[in-house]
């Protein structure tokens, strides 16, 4: 089949495109290139186009030249004979950036072969180079009388009619035509406001997606009277920060990520952190409790003698929707002055989580987004957080249903919310919910971490988590992370023991300092309309003295109608 594609492609060139001999040095030529891989044409039919004149080569594509390109888009321009390489990007209408490199073309090194082949009637020679470990073969002719290429590579060799990457990805010239009245880039205009190369790349990269800046270097600490501003609200002694975020509307299904950086501003320990959305679609929300008292929240009582505020969905309340669970890394930032030989601390710790599946909840809406870090320190922690949205990731989705069911992480811990010890009872954590319609491919997005930081606490003891659907066991596993030592690079000089180990080395119940805890996706099959019950049971360890274990679990039901 591969040979058939190559035969068809070769015939296309042979029958439709004829060699034109020596080209006029003072004319303008449009050279169109066809892309293929492994003998097959590429799906993207936006052909590479080079506009070659006596003074410059513009490397562009058909969409840009036809004024059909979507922002941002980028073109390259090579001056002759100086061989300056300009990169020019249009980020939006009226917003153009550019940079220039005077050495990129001059420093190119090639190996020359005696191999030849004919393309568009021209006898081409082969030159080879390596770029970022990729072998690039350039087939060029010196018989055309002009110099040009479909990329910055080989601009001074001759007329490059084919570029081959790693022997399988081809950019091949299919047409050379003389043209008039082609709009090229105004070199004088772009030369007046050039960026350095790194700034240019950064601006172009950021122009390819939408960034929602949620928090910027905000403090999460514990004080008597936390101070809010017009946009950033502080609750629970300052351990919860929240703000309203307006999300753009998308017709498709973008890839969406939450990015958070954290550093200690005084607190030296590994703390539970959570990024979450506060639902306000029912009569009661967590915002009521944050503004007034934890007593505003509905209580879950499973018969073990304690009452748990705001952990399960009810007819008039939805628990918080957890986007990301993370753990702080023993004082990174504040305590970097503690030194070990040949060991370097991170300045900040970076957390990133894909939350694309949850975007339908906030698509085109305004929502409360919050971050919690449990701590009792006046300095606490500093955090910055963005949410980024990237087009074209997941294609058009079906109508998605997302239903918050439970979240036992006591984000109002410092305002009196009970710890998640409900698993001391056989009933564990149970929630009933009603589906108005049948739900296809139902899944539970389940995050779980065990807590209890002494030798026999559930932080360090494996415990089986069992998920029950309508009183039948549907899934069971033991959350356990044995890779915590991988993250000791963030904090090499804190929490060290006489054994030579660090606290960061120790395996834990699904969480490690300085990391994100990923969700488990639990398949529930197709669910019929009507009432259902989900229950979580965990054989939680018993208290010892003043110490007790707890399990922070969150669950969202997802599916399609």
Protein backbone atom coordinates (compact mmCIF):
# COMPACT_ATOMS: atom_id res chain seq x y z
CA UNK A 1 0.00 0.00 0.00
CA UNK A 2 2.85 2.38 0.84
CA UNK A 3 4.36 1.85 -2.61
CA UNK A 4 0.97 2.53 -4.22
CA UNK A 5 0.70 5.91 -2.47
CA UNK A 6 4.21 6.79 -3.58
CA UNK A 7 3.42 5.73 -7.16
CA UNK A 8 0.26 7.87 -7.24
CA UNK A 9 2.11 10.84 -5.75
CA UNK A 10 4.97 10.48 -8.26
CA UNK A 11 2.52 10.27 -11.14
CA UNK A 12 0.77 13.40 -9.89
CA UNK A 13 4.03 15.33 -10.06
CA UNK A 14 5.10 13.84 -13.38
CA UNK A 15 1.88 14.49 -15.28
CA UNK A 16 0.91 17.87 -13.85
CA UNK A 17 4.15 19.66 -13.09
CA UNK A 18 6.91 20.32 -15.56
CA UNK A 19 10.44 21.59 -14.94
CA UNK A 20 10.91 25.25 -15.79
CA UNK A 21 14.67 25.44 -16.28
CA UNK A 22 16.61 28.41 -14.96
CA UNK A 23 14.30 30.83 -13.14
CA UNK A 24 14.53 34.60 -13.49
CA UNK A 25 16.47 36.19 -10.66
CA UNK A 26 14.33 39.34 -10.67
CA UNK A 27 10.96 37.54 -10.70
CA UNK A 28 8.74 36.43 -7.81
CA UNK A 29 8.02 32.73 -7.51
CA UNK A 30 5.48 30.79 -5.50
CA UNK A 31 6.67 27.29 -4.57
CA UNK A 32 4.04 24.94 -3.16
CA UNK A 33 5.04 21.91 -1.06
CA UNK A 34 3.04 18.75 -0.37
CA UNK A 35 3.39 16.92 2.95
CA UNK A 36 3.29 13.17 3.42
CA UNK A 37 4.38 10.58 5.97
CA UNK A 38 5.15 6.89 5.48
CA UNK A 39 4.00 7.16 1.90
CA UNK A 40 0.60 8.64 2.80
CA UNK A 41 -0.57 12.23 2.33
CA UNK A 42 -1.02 14.10 5.61
CA UNK A 43 -4.56 14.94 6.68
CA UNK A 44 -3.65 18.60 7.11
CA UNK A 45 -3.96 19.96 3.57
CA UNK A 46 -2.72 23.44 4.46
CA UNK A 47 0.22 23.36 2.08
CA UNK A 48 3.54 24.97 2.88
CA UNK A 49 4.18 27.86 0.49
CA UNK A 50 7.42 29.76 -0.15
CA UNK A 51 7.34 33.17 -1.85
CA UNK A 52 10.85 33.69 -3.26
CA UNK A 53 12.09 37.07 -4.50
CA UNK A 54 15.52 38.48 -5.19
CA UNK A 55 15.66 40.08 -1.73
CA UNK A 56 13.85 37.62 0.57
CA UNK A 57 12.14 34.27 0.98
CA UNK A 58 8.83 34.18 2.83
CA UNK A 59 8.00 30.76 4.33
CA UNK A 60 4.27 30.61 4.90
CA UNK A 61 1.27 28.39 4.12
CA UNK A 62 -1.83 28.47 1.96
CA UNK A 63 -4.17 29.39 4.81
CA UNK A 64 -2.18 32.46 5.80
CA UNK A 65 -1.73 33.70 2.24
CA UNK A 66 -5.46 33.21 1.56
CA UNK A 67 -6.33 35.15 4.75
CA UNK A 68 -8.01 32.08 6.26
CA UNK A 69 -5.55 31.28 9.05
CA UNK A 70 -6.64 31.21 12.68
CA UNK A 71 -4.69 33.18 15.26
CA UNK A 72 -1.98 32.81 16.30
CA UNK A 73 -0.02 32.00 13.17
CA UNK A 74 3.66 32.21 12.34
CA UNK A 75 5.76 32.87 9.24
CA UNK A 76 9.49 32.98 8.59
CA UNK A 77 11.39 35.42 6.42
CA UNK A 78 14.96 35.00 5.15
CA UNK A 79 16.82 37.99 3.72
CA UNK A 80 19.22 37.71 0.80
CA UNK A 81 22.18 37.75 0.67
CA UNK A 82 22.57 38.54 4.41
CA UNK A 83 20.72 35.35 5.47
CA UNK A 84 19.01 36.93 8.45
CA UNK A 85 16.21 34.70 9.75
CA UNK A 86 13.14 36.59 10.96
CA UNK A 87 10.33 34.78 12.81
CA UNK A 88 7.06 36.71 12.65
CA UNK A 89 3.90 35.77 14.55
CA UNK A 90 0.44 37.34 14.43
CA UNK A 91 -1.11 36.68 17.85
CA UNK A 92 -4.34 38.50 17.00
CA UNK A 93 -5.54 41.26 14.70
CA UNK A 94 -3.10 44.13 15.12
CA UNK A 95 -0.84 42.21 17.51
CA UNK A 96 2.31 41.08 15.73
CA UNK A 97 5.62 40.04 17.29
CA UNK A 98 8.95 39.25 15.65
CA UNK A 99 12.51 38.22 16.37
CA UNK A 100 15.66 37.89 14.25
CA UNK A 101 18.57 35.44 14.30
CA UNK A 102 21.69 36.39 12.37
CA UNK A 103 23.49 33.07 12.94
CA UNK A 104 20.85 30.36 12.52
CA UNK A 105 21.40 29.80 8.79
CA UNK A 106 25.12 30.55 8.65
CA UNK A 107 25.94 27.95 11.31
CA UNK A 108 24.13 25.08 9.59
CA UNK A 109 26.45 22.14 8.82
CA UNK A 110 25.71 19.47 6.20
CA UNK A 111 27.14 16.22 4.94
CA UNK A 112 26.98 15.97 1.17
CA UNK A 113 26.15 12.83 -0.78
CA UNK A 114 26.72 11.81 -4.38
CA UNK A 115 23.10 10.58 -4.54
CA UNK A 116 20.81 12.36 -6.97
CA UNK A 117 17.15 12.25 -7.91
CA UNK A 118 14.82 14.23 -10.17
CA UNK A 119 12.06 16.41 -8.73
CA UNK A 120 9.94 18.61 -11.00
CA UNK A 121 12.43 17.87 -13.77
CA UNK A 122 15.40 19.24 -11.78
CA UNK A 123 18.32 16.99 -10.88
CA UNK A 124 18.68 17.28 -7.13
CA UNK A 125 21.62 16.53 -4.85
CA UNK A 126 21.33 15.40 -1.22
CA UNK A 127 22.63 17.17 1.86
CA UNK A 128 22.07 15.78 5.35
CA UNK A 129 22.09 17.35 8.81
CA UNK A 130 20.89 16.46 12.30
CA UNK A 131 18.48 18.64 14.27
CA UNK A 132 17.62 17.62 17.83
CA UNK A 133 18.63 14.01 17.08
CA UNK A 134 16.42 13.96 13.93
CA UNK A 135 18.10 13.16 10.60
CA UNK A 136 17.09 15.69 7.95
CA UNK A 137 17.78 14.99 4.25
CA UNK A 138 17.52 17.95 1.89
CA UNK A 139 17.20 17.40 -1.85
CA UNK A 140 18.23 20.61 -3.58
CA UNK A 141 19.05 21.82 -7.06
CA UNK A 142 21.54 24.46 -8.18
CA UNK A 143 20.10 24.45 -11.71
CA UNK A 144 17.07 26.65 -10.93
CA UNK A 145 19.07 29.83 -10.40
CA UNK A 146 17.40 30.75 -7.08
CA UNK A 147 17.85 29.73 -3.45
CA UNK A 148 14.89 28.85 -1.25
CA UNK A 149 13.61 26.09 1.08
CA UNK A 150 10.37 25.14 2.89
CA UNK A 151 12.04 25.70 6.29
CA UNK A 152 15.04 27.62 7.60
CA UNK A 153 17.22 24.61 6.78
CA UNK A 154 19.25 24.75 3.58
CA UNK A 155 18.37 28.29 2.58
CA UNK A 156 21.88 28.77 1.16
CA UNK A 157 22.20 25.41 -0.61
CA UNK A 158 20.11 26.14 -3.68
CA UNK A 159 16.43 25.47 -4.30
CA UNK A 160 15.36 22.75 -1.84
CA UNK A 161 12.60 20.74 -3.47
CA UNK A 162 12.24 18.06 -0.81
CA UNK A 163 12.92 17.76 2.89
CA UNK A 164 12.79 14.34 4.58
CA UNK A 165 12.79 13.83 8.36
CA UNK A 166 13.99 10.48 9.67
CA UNK A 167 13.34 8.84 6.32
CA UNK A 168 9.56 8.91 6.67
CA UNK A 169 8.16 12.45 6.85
CA UNK A 170 8.29 14.34 3.52
CA UNK A 171 7.81 17.94 2.42
CA UNK A 172 7.97 17.85 -1.38
CA UNK A 173 7.63 20.64 -3.94
CA UNK A 174 4.70 20.13 -6.29
CA UNK A 175 4.54 23.41 -8.17
CA UNK A 176 6.73 26.38 -9.05
CA UNK A 177 4.93 29.35 -10.60
CA UNK A 178 5.79 32.95 -11.34
CA UNK A 179 3.41 35.34 -9.57
CA UNK A 180 2.74 39.06 -9.26
CA UNK A 181 1.22 41.29 -6.59
CA UNK A 182 1.96 38.98 -3.65
CA UNK A 183 1.76 40.65 -0.24
CA UNK A 184 4.98 40.02 1.67
CA UNK A 185 6.08 41.04 5.15
CA UNK A 186 7.21 44.65 5.55
CA UNK A 187 10.74 44.14 6.84
CA UNK A 188 11.17 47.77 7.84
CA UNK A 189 8.02 47.64 9.96
CA UNK A 190 8.86 44.51 11.93
CA UNK A 191 12.47 45.58 12.46
CA UNK A 192 11.41 48.52 14.63
CA UNK A 193 10.06 46.35 17.46
CA UNK A 194 11.93 43.06 17.73
CA UNK A 195 11.84 40.73 20.74
CA UNK A 196 14.68 38.52 21.90
CA UNK A 197 14.31 34.90 20.88
CA UNK A 198 13.13 33.53 24.23
CA UNK A 199 10.57 36.28 24.76
CA UNK A 200 9.24 35.72 21.24
CA UNK A 201 8.86 31.96 21.82
CA UNK A 202 7.16 32.54 25.16
CA UNK A 203 4.65 35.02 23.74
CA UNK A 204 3.88 32.76 20.79
CA UNK A 205 3.44 29.71 23.05
CA UNK A 206 1.11 31.57 25.41
CA UNK A 207 -0.85 32.88 22.43
CA UNK A 208 -1.84 29.31 21.52
CA UNK A 209 -4.11 28.85 24.55
CA UNK A 210 -6.25 30.81 26.99
CA UNK A 211 -4.90 31.46 30.48
CA UNK A 212 -7.16 32.30 33.41
CA UNK A 213 -5.05 33.76 36.20
CA UNK A 214 -6.83 32.74 39.39
CA UNK A 215 -4.33 33.48 42.19
CA UNK A 216 -0.98 35.28 42.09
CA UNK A 217 1.41 34.84 45.02
CA UNK A 218 -1.40 34.65 47.58
CA UNK A 219 -0.82 33.66 51.22
CA UNK A 220 -2.64 30.69 52.76
CA UNK A 221 -2.01 30.78 56.50
CA UNK A 222 -3.74 30.66 59.88
CA UNK A 223 -4.56 33.95 61.62
CA UNK A 224 -7.31 35.23 63.90
CA UNK A 225 -8.75 37.71 61.41
CA UNK A 226 -7.92 36.86 57.78
CA UNK A 227 -8.16 39.86 55.47
CA UNK A 228 -10.15 39.60 52.23
CA UNK A 229 -9.96 42.00 49.29
CA UNK A 230 -12.46 42.99 46.63
CA UNK A 231 -11.65 39.86 44.64
CA UNK A 232 -9.74 37.42 46.90
CA UNK A 233 -11.70 36.08 49.86
CA UNK A 234 -10.10 34.37 52.85
CA UNK A 235 -11.97 31.98 55.11
CA UNK A 236 -11.42 29.39 57.84
CA UNK A 237 -8.68 31.40 59.54
CA UNK A 238 -7.07 32.15 56.17
CA UNK A 239 -6.55 28.50 55.18
CA UNK A 240 -9.07 28.78 52.31
CA UNK A 241 -8.78 31.40 49.58
CA UNK A 242 -11.50 31.82 46.97
CA UNK A 243 -12.46 34.05 44.08
CA UNK A 244 -15.04 34.15 41.33
CA UNK A 245 -13.74 33.14 37.92
CA UNK A 246 -15.50 33.76 34.61
CA UNK A 247 -14.90 30.82 32.26
CA UNK A 248 -15.09 31.35 28.49
CA UNK A 249 -17.70 29.48 26.48
CA UNK A 250 -16.50 26.69 24.16
CA UNK A 251 -18.60 24.80 21.64
CA UNK A 252 -16.16 21.89 21.57
CA UNK A 253 -14.31 20.03 24.29
CA UNK A 254 -11.00 21.75 25.07
CA UNK A 255 -8.13 20.30 27.03
CA UNK A 256 -8.13 22.06 30.41
CA UNK A 257 -5.38 22.09 33.02
CA UNK A 258 -4.97 23.56 36.48
CA UNK A 259 -1.43 24.73 37.34
CA UNK A 260 -0.40 25.61 40.88
CA UNK A 261 2.94 26.62 42.38
CA UNK A 262 3.56 26.48 46.13
CA UNK A 263 6.33 27.49 48.50
CA UNK A 264 6.54 27.69 52.26
CA UNK A 265 6.13 31.10 53.87
CA UNK A 266 6.73 29.68 57.35
CA UNK A 267 5.05 26.27 57.62
CA UNK A 268 7.67 23.48 57.47
CA UNK A 269 5.42 20.43 57.13
CA UNK A 270 3.73 18.28 54.50
CA UNK A 271 0.14 19.49 54.40
CA UNK A 272 -3.02 18.48 52.59
CA UNK A 273 -3.95 20.83 49.76
CA UNK A 274 -7.01 20.89 47.54
CA UNK A 275 -8.15 22.96 44.55
CA UNK A 276 -11.92 22.93 44.21
CA UNK A 277 -15.01 24.56 42.75
CA UNK A 278 -17.82 25.53 45.11
CA UNK A 279 -21.21 24.62 43.61
CA UNK A 280 -23.91 27.25 44.20
CA UNK A 281 -26.74 25.63 42.25
CA UNK A 282 -28.68 24.48 45.33
CA UNK A 283 -30.18 26.21 48.34
CA UNK A 284 -27.09 25.68 50.54
CA UNK A 285 -23.45 25.89 49.47
CA UNK A 286 -20.09 25.85 51.16
CA UNK A 287 -20.01 29.63 50.63
CA UNK A 288 -22.75 29.93 53.27
CA UNK A 289 -20.59 28.12 55.80
CA UNK A 290 -17.41 29.99 54.85
CA UNK A 291 -19.14 33.34 55.32
CA UNK A 292 -21.09 32.39 58.46
CA UNK A 293 -20.38 29.09 60.23
CA UNK A 294 -19.81 25.40 59.55
CA UNK A 295 -23.20 24.91 61.22
CA UNK A 296 -24.79 26.07 57.95
CA UNK A 297 -23.87 22.77 56.29
CA UNK A 298 -26.08 19.67 56.26
CA UNK A 299 -24.82 16.93 58.56
CA UNK A 300 -23.98 13.34 57.62
CA UNK A 301 -24.50 10.90 60.50
CA UNK A 302 -23.57 7.25 60.02
CA UNK A 303 -24.16 6.18 63.61
CA UNK A 304 -20.60 6.21 64.92
CA UNK A 305 -21.34 9.03 67.35
CA UNK A 306 -19.96 11.91 65.28
CA UNK A 307 -21.55 14.32 62.86
CA UNK A 308 -19.84 15.26 59.60
CA UNK A 309 -20.67 18.62 58.03
CA UNK A 310 -21.10 19.08 54.30
CA UNK A 311 -19.54 15.84 53.01
CA UNK A 312 -22.38 14.29 50.94
CA UNK A 313 -24.86 15.59 48.39
CA UNK A 314 -28.42 16.17 49.59
CA UNK A 315 -31.57 17.54 47.97
CA UNK A 316 -30.50 21.11 48.84
CA UNK A 317 -26.69 20.89 48.96
CA UNK A 318 -23.78 19.82 46.74
CA UNK A 319 -20.33 19.17 48.21
CA UNK A 320 -17.29 20.90 46.75
CA UNK A 321 -15.98 19.61 43.42
CA UNK A 322 -12.31 18.70 43.79
CA UNK A 323 -10.17 19.59 40.80
CA UNK A 324 -6.81 18.60 42.29
CA UNK A 325 -5.48 17.06 45.53
CA UNK A 326 -1.87 17.97 46.33
CA UNK A 327 0.59 17.82 49.23
CA UNK A 328 3.14 20.38 50.30
CA UNK A 329 6.82 19.35 50.40
CA UNK A 330 8.32 20.12 53.83
CA UNK A 331 9.19 23.78 53.70
CA UNK A 332 10.39 24.39 50.14
CA UNK A 333 11.15 28.09 49.87
CA UNK A 334 11.30 29.23 53.50
CA UNK A 335 13.75 26.57 54.65
CA UNK A 336 16.06 26.37 51.64
CA UNK A 337 18.84 27.65 53.92
CA UNK A 338 19.14 24.12 55.36
CA UNK A 339 21.95 22.61 53.32
CA UNK A 340 23.39 19.22 52.47
CA UNK A 341 26.48 18.70 50.34
CA UNK A 342 25.69 18.41 46.62
CA UNK A 343 21.95 18.72 47.29
CA UNK A 344 19.84 21.57 45.96
CA UNK A 345 16.34 22.60 46.98
CA UNK A 346 13.62 23.58 44.56
CA UNK A 347 12.64 27.24 44.78
CA UNK A 348 8.98 26.35 44.31
CA UNK A 349 7.00 23.18 43.72
CA UNK A 350 4.87 22.91 40.60
CA UNK A 351 1.64 20.90 40.40
CA UNK A 352 -0.32 20.30 37.19
CA UNK A 353 -3.54 18.34 36.69
CA UNK A 354 -5.67 17.58 33.62
CA UNK A 355 -9.27 18.52 34.47
CA UNK A 356 -10.72 18.44 30.95
CA UNK A 357 -13.54 16.08 31.88
CA UNK A 358 -14.87 18.59 34.43
CA UNK A 359 -14.99 21.61 32.12
CA UNK A 360 -18.70 21.19 31.17
CA UNK A 361 -19.50 22.19 34.76
CA UNK A 362 -18.10 25.69 34.24
CA UNK A 363 -18.26 26.17 30.47
CA UNK A 364 -19.32 29.77 29.87
CA UNK A 365 -20.19 30.26 33.55
CA UNK A 366 -18.94 32.19 36.54
CA UNK A 367 -17.87 29.95 39.42
CA UNK A 368 -16.16 30.10 42.80
CA UNK A 369 -12.69 28.54 42.63
CA UNK A 370 -10.80 27.93 45.87
CA UNK A 371 -7.56 26.53 47.29
CA UNK A 372 -7.19 24.98 50.75
CA UNK A 373 -3.96 24.11 52.58
CA UNK A 374 -4.41 22.78 56.10
CA UNK A 375 -1.95 24.49 58.48
CA UNK A 376 -1.73 26.34 61.78
CA UNK A 377 1.18 28.62 60.87
CA UNK A 378 1.02 32.43 60.73
CA UNK A 379 3.40 32.46 57.76
CA UNK A 380 1.78 29.48 56.06
CA UNK A 381 2.27 29.08 52.33
CA UNK A 382 2.39 31.14 49.13
CA UNK A 383 0.51 29.92 46.06
CA UNK A 384 -0.09 31.00 42.47
CA UNK A 385 -2.61 29.28 40.23
CA UNK A 386 -3.71 29.39 36.59
CA UNK A 387 -6.26 27.45 34.58
CA UNK A 388 -5.36 26.97 30.91
CA UNK A 389 -7.71 26.04 28.08
CA UNK A 390 -6.40 24.49 24.85
CA UNK A 391 -8.48 24.07 21.69
CA UNK A 392 -8.81 20.90 19.66
CA UNK A 393 -8.04 18.30 22.27
CA UNK A 394 -10.96 15.93 22.79
CA UNK A 395 -13.28 16.52 19.83
CA UNK A 396 -17.00 17.05 20.01
CA UNK A 397 -18.47 15.36 23.06
CA UNK A 398 -21.91 14.01 23.81
CA UNK A 399 -24.11 15.62 26.42
CA UNK A 400 -22.18 14.99 29.59
CA UNK A 401 -23.62 14.62 33.07
CA UNK A 402 -21.38 15.52 36.03
CA UNK A 403 -22.81 15.06 39.51
CA UNK A 404 -20.89 15.79 42.74
CA UNK A 405 -21.60 13.03 45.27
CA UNK A 406 -19.22 13.32 48.22
CA UNK A 407 -16.08 15.01 49.50
CA UNK A 408 -14.81 14.21 52.99
CA UNK A 409 -11.77 16.53 52.83
CA UNK A 410 -12.51 18.95 55.66
CA UNK A 411 -11.50 22.14 53.87
CA UNK A 412 -12.99 24.04 56.82
CA UNK A 413 -10.79 22.13 59.25
CA UNK A 414 -9.59 25.36 60.91
CA UNK A 415 -13.21 26.51 61.30
CA UNK A 416 -14.41 23.40 63.11
CA UNK A 417 -15.32 20.96 60.32
CA UNK A 418 -15.02 17.37 61.55
CA UNK A 419 -12.21 15.09 60.37
CA UNK A 420 -13.23 12.26 58.05
CA UNK A 421 -13.38 9.43 60.58
CA UNK A 422 -16.74 8.06 59.43
CA UNK A 423 -14.98 4.91 58.20
CA UNK A 424 -14.73 3.63 61.78
CA UNK A 425 -18.30 2.42 61.17
CA UNK A 426 -19.22 -0.41 58.79
CA UNK A 427 -21.57 1.99 57.05
CA UNK A 428 -18.63 4.18 56.12
CA UNK A 429 -19.66 6.99 53.78
CA UNK A 430 -22.94 6.53 51.94
CA UNK A 431 -24.82 8.82 49.58
CA UNK A 432 -28.06 8.40 47.64
CA UNK A 433 -28.74 10.18 44.37
CA UNK A 434 -31.47 10.28 41.75
CA UNK A 435 -31.01 10.14 37.97
CA UNK A 436 -33.75 11.81 35.93
CA UNK A 437 -32.61 9.92 32.82
CA UNK A 438 -30.60 6.80 32.01
CA UNK A 439 -26.86 7.36 32.29
CA UNK A 440 -24.49 5.67 29.84
CA UNK A 441 -20.92 4.71 30.63
CA UNK A 442 -21.16 5.93 34.21
CA UNK A 443 -17.82 6.49 35.95
CA UNK A 444 -16.82 7.54 39.43
CA UNK A 445 -13.92 10.00 39.59
CA UNK A 446 -12.55 8.96 42.95
CA UNK A 447 -9.66 10.54 44.87
CA UNK A 448 -8.55 8.94 48.14
CA UNK A 449 -5.76 9.55 50.65
CA UNK A 450 -5.26 8.05 54.09
CA UNK A 451 -4.19 10.22 57.02
CA UNK A 452 -2.79 9.54 60.46
CA UNK A 453 0.86 10.47 60.75
CA UNK A 454 2.25 8.09 63.33
CA UNK A 455 3.64 4.60 62.88
CA UNK A 456 0.27 2.82 62.96
CA UNK A 457 -1.69 5.67 61.38
CA UNK A 458 -3.43 5.07 58.08
CA UNK A 459 -1.02 7.43 56.34
CA UNK A 460 1.56 4.64 56.61
CA UNK A 461 -0.68 1.54 56.67
CA UNK A 462 -2.25 0.10 53.49
CA UNK A 463 -6.04 -0.02 53.70
CA UNK A 464 -8.46 -1.49 51.17
CA UNK A 465 -11.01 0.94 49.70
CA UNK A 466 -14.26 -0.70 48.56
CA UNK A 467 -16.88 1.02 46.40
CA UNK A 468 -20.44 -0.31 46.63
CA UNK A 469 -23.16 0.51 44.08
CA UNK A 470 -26.72 -0.25 45.15
CA UNK A 471 -25.41 -2.54 47.93
CA UNK A 472 -23.20 -4.56 45.57
CA UNK A 473 -19.41 -4.39 45.62
CA UNK A 474 -18.34 -2.85 42.32
CA UNK A 475 -14.65 -2.05 42.85
CA UNK A 476 -11.95 -2.51 45.48
CA UNK A 477 -8.29 -1.53 45.64
CA UNK A 478 -5.58 -0.55 48.10
CA UNK A 479 -4.26 2.96 47.45
CA UNK A 480 -0.53 2.89 48.08
CA UNK A 481 2.34 4.99 46.73
CA UNK A 482 5.85 3.53 46.79
CA UNK A 483 7.43 6.28 44.67
CA UNK A 484 7.47 9.07 47.26
CA UNK A 485 11.28 9.12 47.31
CA UNK A 486 11.24 10.39 43.72
CA UNK A 487 10.13 13.75 45.05
CA UNK A 488 12.85 14.17 47.68
CA UNK A 489 14.67 16.33 45.12
CA UNK A 490 12.28 19.15 46.11
CA UNK A 491 13.36 19.13 49.76
CA UNK A 492 16.63 17.19 50.28
CA UNK A 493 17.54 18.53 53.70
CA UNK A 494 14.34 18.39 55.76
CA UNK A 495 12.70 15.54 57.63
CA UNK A 496 15.85 13.40 57.65
CA UNK A 497 16.06 10.45 60.06
CA UNK A 498 18.96 8.68 61.79
CA UNK A 499 18.48 5.80 59.34
CA UNK A 500 19.55 8.02 56.43
CA UNK A 501 16.01 8.15 55.10
CA UNK A 502 13.84 11.22 54.76
CA UNK A 503 10.16 11.36 55.57
CA UNK A 504 9.69 12.01 51.85
CA UNK A 505 11.12 8.57 51.09
CA UNK A 506 8.46 6.63 52.97
CA UNK A 507 5.60 4.92 51.15
CA UNK A 508 2.13 6.20 51.97
CA UNK A 509 -1.58 5.68 51.47
CA UNK A 510 -1.77 7.22 48.01
CA UNK A 511 0.00 10.52 48.71
CA UNK A 512 3.56 11.78 48.73
CA UNK A 513 4.93 15.19 49.82
CA UNK A 514 5.34 17.56 46.89
CA UNK A 515 2.98 15.70 44.54
CA UNK A 516 -0.51 15.49 43.11
CA UNK A 517 -2.73 12.50 43.94
CA UNK A 518 -4.35 11.37 40.71
CA UNK A 519 -8.01 10.32 40.53
CA UNK A 520 -9.04 6.71 40.08
CA UNK A 521 -11.63 6.18 37.36
CA UNK A 522 -14.11 3.50 38.44
CA UNK A 523 -16.48 2.13 35.80
CA UNK A 524 -20.09 1.73 36.98
CA UNK A 525 -21.60 0.66 33.65
CA UNK A 526 -24.93 2.00 32.40
CA UNK A 527 -27.29 3.26 35.13
CA UNK A 528 -31.06 3.38 34.84
CA UNK A 529 -33.09 6.43 35.77
CA UNK A 530 -34.16 6.45 39.39
CA UNK A 531 -32.54 6.32 42.81
CA UNK A 532 -29.12 4.79 43.43
CA UNK A 533 -26.73 4.54 46.34
CA UNK A 534 -22.94 4.64 46.42
CA UNK A 535 -21.05 3.64 49.54
CA UNK A 536 -17.34 3.75 50.40
CA UNK A 537 -15.97 1.48 53.12
CA UNK A 538 -12.41 1.46 54.47
CA UNK A 539 -11.15 -0.59 57.47
CA UNK A 540 -9.79 2.50 59.18
CA UNK A 541 -7.26 2.04 61.97
CA UNK A 542 -8.29 2.68 65.56
CA UNK A 543 -7.11 5.77 67.49
CA UNK A 544 -4.05 5.55 69.73
CA UNK A 545 -4.00 8.06 72.54
CA UNK A 546 -4.61 11.51 71.09
CA UNK A 547 -3.85 10.32 67.52
CA UNK A 548 -6.48 9.11 65.06
CA UNK A 549 -6.73 8.22 61.39
CA UNK A 550 -8.97 9.71 58.73
CA UNK A 551 -9.60 9.28 55.00
CA UNK A 552 -10.13 12.16 52.61
CA UNK A 553 -12.19 10.85 49.71
CA UNK A 554 -13.99 12.73 46.96
CA UNK A 555 -16.32 11.37 44.32
CA UNK A 556 -17.92 12.74 41.16
CA UNK A 557 -20.32 10.77 38.97
CA UNK A 558 -19.80 11.26 35.22
CA UNK A 559 -21.56 9.83 32.20
CA UNK A 560 -23.54 10.69 29.08
CA UNK A 561 -27.25 10.79 28.39
